[in-house]
Amino acid sequence: MREQVVAHKVGNRSGGGARRSGAVAQRPARREGVGDAVGSRLRALLGYLPTVLKVALVIAAGFLIFAGYRVAASASFFQVRRVEVQGNARVASSDIQAAVRRETEKTGVW
């Protein structure tokens, strides 16, 4: 049985030397950051979903955001309990209190 000897290429191995015509320089793969990994996974997952399901998910997310806003706006935490008026010289305190209560009656301070 005969042994084969493989000779090493002579020259600079970093790729800075002369290249063959038509050769493409190889570059290391780009590493993804933490945010990029989540985004690429989400895009890959959404690539499998049909367009109708994507539209339904967007509508459902919009409805949930709207419903969450309405629940938060009507929470007792945001209701006006007391209106204090100081430094008024041109308008009566009762008029200012009535205007503030009228504006904040339904949604509180939101």
C-alpha atoms as a PDB file:
ATOM      1  CA  MET A   1       0.000   0.000   0.000  1.00  0.00           C
ATOM      2  CA  ARG A   2       1.294   3.417  -0.885  1.00  0.00           C
ATOM      3  CA  GLU A   3       1.124   6.500   1.370  1.00  0.00           C
ATOM      4  CA  GLN A   4      -0.162   9.764   0.003  1.00  0.00           C
ATOM      5  CA  VAL A   5       1.410  13.024   1.055  1.00  0.00           C
ATOM      6  CA  VAL A   6      -0.700  16.190   0.914  1.00  0.00           C
ATOM      7  CA  ALA A   7       1.392  19.305   0.469  1.00  0.00           C
ATOM      8  CA  HIS A   8       0.357  22.534   2.221  1.00  0.00           C
ATOM      9  CA  LYS A   9      -0.329  25.651   0.214  1.00  0.00           C
ATOM     10  CA  VAL A  10       2.530  28.068   0.164  1.00  0.00           C
ATOM     11  CA  GLY A  11       1.851  31.698   0.964  1.00  0.00           C
ATOM     12  CA  ASN A  12      -0.119  33.864   3.312  1.00  0.00           C
ATOM     13  CA  ARG A  13      -3.060  31.975   4.838  1.00  0.00           C
ATOM     14  CA  SER A  14      -4.882  35.141   5.962  1.00  0.00           C
ATOM     15  CA  GLY A  15      -6.224  35.764   2.484  1.00  0.00           C
ATOM     16  CA  GLY A  16      -4.447  39.070   1.978  1.00  0.00           C
ATOM     17  CA  GLY A  17      -2.371  37.832  -0.938  1.00  0.00           C
ATOM     18  CA  ALA A  18      -3.282  37.405  -4.565  1.00  0.00           C
ATOM     19  CA  ARG A  19      -6.581  35.683  -5.225  1.00  0.00           C
ATOM     20  CA  ARG A  20      -7.804  33.619  -8.074  1.00  0.00           C
ATOM     21  CA  SER A  21     -10.073  35.383 -10.487  1.00  0.00           C
ATOM     22  CA  GLY A  22     -13.709  34.908  -9.553  1.00  0.00           C
ATOM     23  CA  ALA A  23     -12.889  33.798  -6.002  1.00  0.00           C
ATOM     24  CA  VAL A  24     -15.146  35.122  -3.268  1.00  0.00           C
ATOM     25  CA  ALA A  25     -13.626  36.210   0.021  1.00  0.00           C
ATOM     26  CA  GLN A  26     -15.036  34.275   2.930  1.00  0.00           C
ATOM     27  CA  ARG A  27     -16.152  36.165   5.981  1.00  0.00           C
ATOM     28  CA  PRO A  28     -17.172  34.797   9.367  1.00  0.00           C
ATOM     29  CA  ALA A  29     -20.877  34.479  10.013  1.00  0.00           C
ATOM     30  CA  ARG A  30     -22.417  37.455  11.767  1.00  0.00           C
ATOM     31  CA  ARG A  31     -23.378  36.777  15.343  1.00  0.00           C
ATOM     32  CA  GLU A  32     -26.848  37.786  16.371  1.00  0.00           C
ATOM     33  CA  GLY A  33     -27.429  39.802  19.505  1.00  0.00           C
ATOM     34  CA  VAL A  34     -30.077  38.930  22.066  1.00  0.00           C
ATOM     35  CA  GLY A  35     -32.716  41.122  20.386  1.00  0.00           C
ATOM     36  CA  ASP A  36     -31.828  39.862  16.911  1.00  0.00           C
ATOM     37  CA  ALA A  37     -32.248  36.234  17.950  1.00  0.00           C
ATOM     38  CA  VAL A  38     -35.766  36.827  19.247  1.00  0.00           C
ATOM     39  CA  GLY A  39     -36.701  38.812  16.158  1.00  0.00           C
ATOM     40  CA  SER A  40     -35.376  36.200  13.767  1.00  0.00           C
ATOM     41  CA  ARG A  41     -37.184  33.435  15.642  1.00  0.00           C
ATOM     42  CA  LEU A  42     -40.415  35.420  15.536  1.00  0.00           C
ATOM     43  CA  ARG A  43     -40.022  36.057  11.794  1.00  0.00           C
ATOM     44  CA  ALA A  44     -39.324  32.361  11.204  1.00  0.00           C
ATOM     45  CA  LEU A  45     -42.423  31.397  13.207  1.00  0.00           C
ATOM     46  CA  LEU A  46     -44.626  33.930  11.423  1.00  0.00           C
ATOM     47  CA  GLY A  47     -43.353  32.677   8.058  1.00  0.00           C
ATOM     48  CA  TYR A  48     -45.327  29.475   8.592  1.00  0.00           C
ATOM     49  CA  LEU A  49     -48.619  31.227   9.363  1.00  0.00           C
ATOM     50  CA  PRO A  50     -51.085  32.060   6.593  1.00  0.00           C
ATOM     51  CA  THR A  51     -51.912  35.715   5.924  1.00  0.00           C
ATOM     52  CA  VAL A  52     -55.471  35.405   7.260  1.00  0.00           C
ATOM     53  CA  LEU A  53     -54.163  34.166  10.608  1.00  0.00           C
ATOM     54  CA  LYS A  54     -51.641  37.018  10.746  1.00  0.00           C
ATOM     55  CA  VAL A  55     -54.403  39.566  10.182  1.00  0.00           C
ATOM     56  CA  ALA A  56     -56.529  37.886  12.858  1.00  0.00           C
ATOM     57  CA  LEU A  57     -53.622  38.049  15.316  1.00  0.00           C
ATOM     58  CA  VAL A  58     -53.114  41.764  14.630  1.00  0.00           C
ATOM     59  CA  ILE A  59     -56.832  42.451  15.161  1.00  0.00           C
ATOM     60  CA  ALA A  60     -56.850  40.409  18.387  1.00  0.00           C
ATOM     61  CA  ALA A  61     -53.768  42.238  19.680  1.00  0.00           C
ATOM     62  CA  GLY A  62     -55.387  45.598  18.878  1.00  0.00           C
ATOM     63  CA  PHE A  63     -58.553  44.589  20.685  1.00  0.00           C
ATOM     64  CA  LEU A  64     -56.574  43.458  23.744  1.00  0.00           C
ATOM     65  CA  ILE A  65     -54.661  46.749  23.843  1.00  0.00           C
ATOM     66  CA  PHE A  66     -57.907  48.732  23.557  1.00  0.00           C
ATOM     67  CA  ALA A  67     -59.637  46.636  26.237  1.00  0.00           C
ATOM     68  CA  GLY A  68     -56.609  46.978  28.524  1.00  0.00           C
ATOM     69  CA  TYR A  69     -56.694  50.750  28.120  1.00  0.00           C
ATOM     70  CA  ARG A  70     -60.408  50.861  28.938  1.00  0.00           C
ATOM     71  CA  VAL A  71     -59.931  48.727  32.055  1.00  0.00           C
ATOM     72  CA  ALA A  72     -57.011  50.852  33.225  1.00  0.00           C
ATOM     73  CA  ALA A  73     -58.869  54.095  32.509  1.00  0.00           C
ATOM     74  CA  SER A  74     -61.903  53.025  34.514  1.00  0.00           C
ATOM     75  CA  ALA A  75     -59.850  51.765  37.468  1.00  0.00           C
ATOM     76  CA  SER A  76     -60.580  53.470  40.767  1.00  0.00           C
ATOM     77  CA  PHE A  77     -56.890  54.320  41.092  1.00  0.00           C
ATOM     78  CA  PHE A  78     -57.210  56.935  38.324  1.00  0.00           C
ATOM     79  CA  GLN A  79     -60.518  58.457  39.506  1.00  0.00           C
ATOM     80  CA  VAL A  80     -60.396  62.026  40.775  1.00  0.00           C
ATOM     81  CA  ARG A  81     -61.221  62.081  44.482  1.00  0.00           C
ATOM     82  CA  ARG A  82     -60.577  65.696  45.343  1.00  0.00           C
ATOM     83  CA  VAL A  83     -59.923  68.938  43.487  1.00  0.00           C
ATOM     84  CA  GLU A  84     -58.001  71.660  45.279  1.00  0.00           C
ATOM     85  CA  VAL A  85     -57.834  75.129  43.768  1.00  0.00           C
ATOM     86  CA  GLN A  86     -55.296  77.735  44.869  1.00  0.00           C
ATOM     87  CA  GLY A  87     -54.331  81.149  43.593  1.00  0.00           C
ATOM     88  CA  ASN A  88     -57.475  81.828  41.613  1.00  0.00           C
ATOM     89  CA  ALA A  89     -58.366  85.486  41.260  1.00  0.00           C
ATOM     90  CA  ARG A  90     -60.469  85.690  38.080  1.00  0.00           C
ATOM     91  CA  VAL A  91     -62.604  82.549  38.314  1.00  0.00           C
ATOM     92  CA  ALA A  92     -64.536  81.067  41.217  1.00  0.00           C
ATOM     93  CA  SER A  93     -63.147  77.862  42.759  1.00  0.00           C
ATOM     94  CA  SER A  94     -66.479  76.086  42.280  1.00  0.00           C
ATOM     95  CA  ASP A  95     -66.363  76.764  38.509  1.00  0.00           C
ATOM     96  CA  ILE A  96     -62.878  75.273  38.199  1.00  0.00           C
ATOM     97  CA  GLN A  97     -63.833  72.242  40.298  1.00  0.00           C
ATOM     98  CA  ALA A  98     -66.963  71.677  38.185  1.00  0.00           C
ATOM     99  CA  ALA A  99     -64.959  71.861  34.940  1.00  0.00           C
ATOM    100  CA  VAL A 100     -62.318  69.406  36.191  1.00  0.00           C
ATOM    101  CA  ARG A 101     -64.924  66.941  37.451  1.00  0.00           C
ATOM    102  CA  ARG A 102     -66.858  67.158  34.165  1.00  0.00           C
ATOM    103  CA  GLU A 103     -63.701  66.404  32.109  1.00  0.00           C
ATOM    104  CA  THR A 104     -62.436  63.568  34.331  1.00  0.00           C
ATOM    105  CA  GLU A 105     -65.813  61.966  35.099  1.00  0.00           C
ATOM    106  CA  LYS A 106     -65.653  59.077  32.588  1.00  0.00           C
ATOM    107  CA  THR A 107     -61.958  58.217  32.204  1.00  0.00           C
ATOM    108  CA  GLY A 108     -60.375  59.638  35.335  1.00  0.00           C
ATOM    109  CA  VAL A 109     -57.071  61.403  34.855  1.00  0.00           C
ATOM    110  CA  TRP A 110     -56.353  59.486  31.629  1.00  0.00           C
END
